[in-house]
Amino acid sequence: MTRHALPDDGPFIRPFLVTAGRTRPVQPTLRVDALISTLPAAGSARLTFEAKRVADLCRSPKSVAEVATAIGVPLGVARVLIADLVAAGLVACGPAPELDLPALERIRELVHAL
C-alpha cells in the first residue's frame, strides 16, 4: 500500500484551534457575500495571527467567502473570526453591492449553459 503525501505548505493548524472550538459565529446573520472592511482601531489592537491576517486583508473590502479563501480556512472558521472582529469593533460588515439587471442576466445565461 502506497501512502500519498500532502504538499507541504507549512504548518497546519486545526480549524477548531483557530476558533477555540467554536463552530458558530457570535453574529449568526453574517452572510458569505457580506463585505468586510478594516476599521482604524484594528491598527493598534492586539490580534491573534489569524485575526491579523483578516484585518490586513480587509483594508480593501472583501467578502466573507474571499477572506476564507485568501487565508486558507473553511468558511465557518472565517465567519467565526470575522464575527469576533466585528463584535470587537475592529472590522465593519456591510451588505454586498446590488447586481444590475445585465449582470443578473449574464449569470442566468452562464448557469443555463451548465
C-alpha atoms as a PDB file:
ATOM      1  CA  MET A   1       0.000   0.000   0.000  1.00  0.00           C
ATOM      2  CA  THR A   2       1.382   3.391  -1.013  1.00  0.00           C
ATOM      3  CA  ARG A   3       0.936   6.441   1.193  1.00  0.00           C
ATOM      4  CA  HIS A   4       0.263   9.701  -0.587  1.00  0.00           C
ATOM      5  CA  ALA A   5       1.944  12.713   0.915  1.00  0.00           C
ATOM      6  CA  LEU A   6       0.182  16.034   1.019  1.00  0.00           C
ATOM      7  CA  PRO A   7       2.056  19.071  -0.286  1.00  0.00           C
ATOM      8  CA  ASP A   8       3.945  20.836   2.474  1.00  0.00           C
ATOM      9  CA  ASP A   9       2.548  24.365   2.569  1.00  0.00           C
ATOM     10  CA  GLY A  10       3.867  24.984   6.057  1.00  0.00           C
ATOM     11  CA  PRO A  11       2.500  24.125   9.465  1.00  0.00           C
ATOM     12  CA  PHE A  12      -1.131  23.013   9.628  1.00  0.00           C
ATOM     13  CA  ILE A  13      -3.324  24.385  12.410  1.00  0.00           C
ATOM     14  CA  ARG A  14      -6.587  22.592  13.050  1.00  0.00           C
ATOM     15  CA  PRO A  15      -9.587  24.890  12.453  1.00  0.00           C
ATOM     16  CA  PHE A  16     -11.049  24.240  15.912  1.00  0.00           C
ATOM     17  CA  LEU A  17      -7.860  25.647  17.456  1.00  0.00           C
ATOM     18  CA  VAL A  18      -8.238  28.880  15.488  1.00  0.00           C
ATOM     19  CA  THR A  19     -11.778  29.381  16.790  1.00  0.00           C
ATOM     20  CA  ALA A  20     -11.191  28.000  20.309  1.00  0.00           C
ATOM     21  CA  GLY A  21     -13.561  25.141  19.492  1.00  0.00           C
ATOM     22  CA  ARG A  22     -16.444  27.386  18.454  1.00  0.00           C
ATOM     23  CA  THR A  23     -18.354  26.401  15.339  1.00  0.00           C
ATOM     24  CA  ARG A  24     -20.862  29.254  15.213  1.00  0.00           C
ATOM     25  CA  PRO A  25     -20.143  32.953  14.897  1.00  0.00           C
ATOM     26  CA  VAL A  26     -21.341  35.357  17.575  1.00  0.00           C
ATOM     27  CA  GLN A  27     -23.154  37.156  14.757  1.00  0.00           C
ATOM     28  CA  PRO A  28     -25.242  34.400  13.122  1.00  0.00           C
ATOM     29  CA  THR A  29     -26.529  36.654  10.345  1.00  0.00           C
ATOM     30  CA  LEU A  30     -23.079  37.165   8.797  1.00  0.00           C
ATOM     31  CA  ARG A  31     -23.614  36.306   5.119  1.00  0.00           C
ATOM     32  CA  VAL A  32     -20.893  34.877   2.894  1.00  0.00           C
ATOM     33  CA  ASP A  33     -21.330  37.759   0.460  1.00  0.00           C
ATOM     34  CA  ALA A  34     -21.134  40.484   3.129  1.00  0.00           C
ATOM     35  CA  LEU A  35     -18.305  42.961   2.583  1.00  0.00           C
ATOM     36  CA  ILE A  36     -15.771  43.242   5.389  1.00  0.00           C
ATOM     37  CA  SER A  37     -13.674  46.396   5.870  1.00  0.00           C
ATOM     38  CA  THR A  38     -10.967  47.005   8.444  1.00  0.00           C
ATOM     39  CA  LEU A  39     -11.560  49.890  10.846  1.00  0.00           C
ATOM     40  CA  PRO A  40      -8.757  52.161  12.148  1.00  0.00           C
ATOM     41  CA  ALA A  41      -8.957  50.612  15.643  1.00  0.00           C
ATOM     42  CA  ALA A  42      -7.543  47.347  14.247  1.00  0.00           C
ATOM     43  CA  GLY A  43      -4.173  49.013  13.678  1.00  0.00           C
ATOM     44  CA  SER A  44      -3.422  49.242  17.397  1.00  0.00           C
ATOM     45  CA  ALA A  45      -5.296  46.146  18.603  1.00  0.00           C
ATOM     46  CA  ARG A  46      -3.555  43.019  19.858  1.00  0.00           C
ATOM     47  CA  LEU A  47      -4.736  40.337  17.466  1.00  0.00           C
ATOM     48  CA  THR A  48      -4.132  36.649  17.007  1.00  0.00           C
ATOM     49  CA  PHE A  49      -2.210  35.652  13.907  1.00  0.00           C
ATOM     50  CA  GLU A  50      -5.371  34.707  12.010  1.00  0.00           C
ATOM     51  CA  ALA A  51      -7.306  37.812  13.076  1.00  0.00           C
ATOM     52  CA  LYS A  52      -4.384  39.986  11.957  1.00  0.00           C
ATOM     53  CA  ARG A  53      -4.425  38.261   8.579  1.00  0.00           C
ATOM     54  CA  VAL A  54      -8.142  39.054   8.243  1.00  0.00           C
ATOM     55  CA  ALA A  55      -7.630  42.688   9.282  1.00  0.00           C
ATOM     56  CA  ASP A  56      -4.707  43.132   6.882  1.00  0.00           C
ATOM     57  CA  LEU A  57      -6.614  41.545   4.024  1.00  0.00           C
ATOM     58  CA  CYS A  58      -9.742  43.636   4.560  1.00  0.00           C
ATOM     59  CA  ARG A  59      -8.003  47.000   4.289  1.00  0.00           C
ATOM     60  CA  SER A  60      -9.768  46.930   0.949  1.00  0.00           C
ATOM     61  CA  PRO A  61     -13.278  45.438   1.269  1.00  0.00           C
ATOM     62  CA  LYS A  62     -13.536  41.676   0.797  1.00  0.00           C
ATOM     63  CA  SER A  63     -16.454  39.291   1.048  1.00  0.00           C
ATOM     64  CA  VAL A  64     -16.523  36.676   3.801  1.00  0.00           C
ATOM     65  CA  ALA A  65     -16.022  33.997   1.141  1.00  0.00           C
ATOM     66  CA  GLU A  66     -12.986  35.824  -0.280  1.00  0.00           C
ATOM     67  CA  VAL A  67     -11.478  36.083   3.198  1.00  0.00           C
ATOM     68  CA  ALA A  68     -11.900  32.342   3.796  1.00  0.00           C
ATOM     69  CA  THR A  69     -10.224  31.531   0.502  1.00  0.00           C
ATOM     70  CA  ALA A  70      -7.405  34.044   0.924  1.00  0.00           C
ATOM     71  CA  ILE A  71      -6.407  32.908   4.414  1.00  0.00           C
ATOM     72  CA  GLY A  72      -6.971  29.235   3.626  1.00  0.00           C
ATOM     73  CA  VAL A  73      -9.565  28.329   6.227  1.00  0.00           C
ATOM     74  CA  PRO A  74     -13.025  26.774   5.954  1.00  0.00           C
ATOM     75  CA  LEU A  75     -15.890  29.222   5.520  1.00  0.00           C
ATOM     76  CA  GLY A  76     -17.224  28.513   9.022  1.00  0.00           C
ATOM     77  CA  VAL A  77     -13.867  29.370  10.581  1.00  0.00           C
ATOM     78  CA  ALA A  78     -13.701  32.627   8.623  1.00  0.00           C
ATOM     79  CA  ARG A  79     -17.219  33.520   9.773  1.00  0.00           C
ATOM     80  CA  VAL A  80     -16.254  32.963  13.432  1.00  0.00           C
ATOM     81  CA  LEU A  81     -13.060  35.044  13.090  1.00  0.00           C
ATOM     82  CA  ILE A  82     -14.832  37.873  11.268  1.00  0.00           C
ATOM     83  CA  ALA A  83     -17.785  37.924  13.669  1.00  0.00           C
ATOM     84  CA  ASP A  84     -15.340  38.229  16.585  1.00  0.00           C
ATOM     85  CA  LEU A  85     -13.630  41.166  14.864  1.00  0.00           C
ATOM     86  CA  VAL A  86     -16.996  42.823  14.170  1.00  0.00           C
ATOM     87  CA  ALA A  87     -18.026  42.387  17.827  1.00  0.00           C
ATOM     88  CA  ALA A  88     -14.710  43.935  18.926  1.00  0.00           C
ATOM     89  CA  GLY A  89     -15.273  46.950  16.649  1.00  0.00           C
ATOM     90  CA  LEU A  90     -12.194  46.197  14.549  1.00  0.00           C
ATOM     91  CA  VAL A  91     -13.868  45.483  11.218  1.00  0.00           C
ATOM     92  CA  ALA A  92     -17.144  46.624   9.700  1.00  0.00           C
ATOM     93  CA  CYS A  93     -19.609  44.390   7.918  1.00  0.00           C
ATOM     94  CA  GLY A  94     -21.603  45.875   5.064  1.00  0.00           C
ATOM     95  CA  PRO A  95     -24.020  44.483   2.514  1.00  0.00           C
ATOM     96  CA  ALA A  96     -22.798  43.174  -0.806  1.00  0.00           C
ATOM     97  CA  PRO A  97     -23.421  45.566  -3.681  1.00  0.00           C
ATOM     98  CA  GLU A  98     -26.614  45.007  -5.641  1.00  0.00           C
ATOM     99  CA  LEU A  99     -26.193  43.452  -9.074  1.00  0.00           C
ATOM    100  CA  ASP A 100     -27.699  45.285 -12.006  1.00  0.00           C
ATOM    101  CA  LEU A 101     -30.045  43.580 -14.476  1.00  0.00           C
ATOM    102  CA  PRO A 102     -27.406  42.888 -17.182  1.00  0.00           C
ATOM    103  CA  ALA A 103     -25.158  41.172 -14.596  1.00  0.00           C
ATOM    104  CA  LEU A 104     -28.043  39.022 -13.353  1.00  0.00           C
ATOM    105  CA  GLU A 105     -28.959  38.075 -16.917  1.00  0.00           C
ATOM    106  CA  ARG A 106     -25.357  37.106 -17.646  1.00  0.00           C
ATOM    107  CA  ILE A 107     -25.271  34.903 -14.527  1.00  0.00           C
ATOM    108  CA  ARG A 108     -28.527  33.276 -15.595  1.00  0.00           C
ATOM    109  CA  GLU A 109     -27.059  32.567 -19.054  1.00  0.00           C
ATOM    110  CA  LEU A 110     -23.926  31.038 -17.565  1.00  0.00           C
ATOM    111  CA  VAL A 111     -25.903  28.837 -15.185  1.00  0.00           C
ATOM    112  CA  HIS A 112     -28.200  27.781 -18.031  1.00  0.00           C
ATOM    113  CA  ALA A 113     -25.129  26.835 -20.102  1.00  0.00           C
ATOM    114  CA  LEU A 114     -24.063  24.378 -17.404  1.00  0.00           C
END
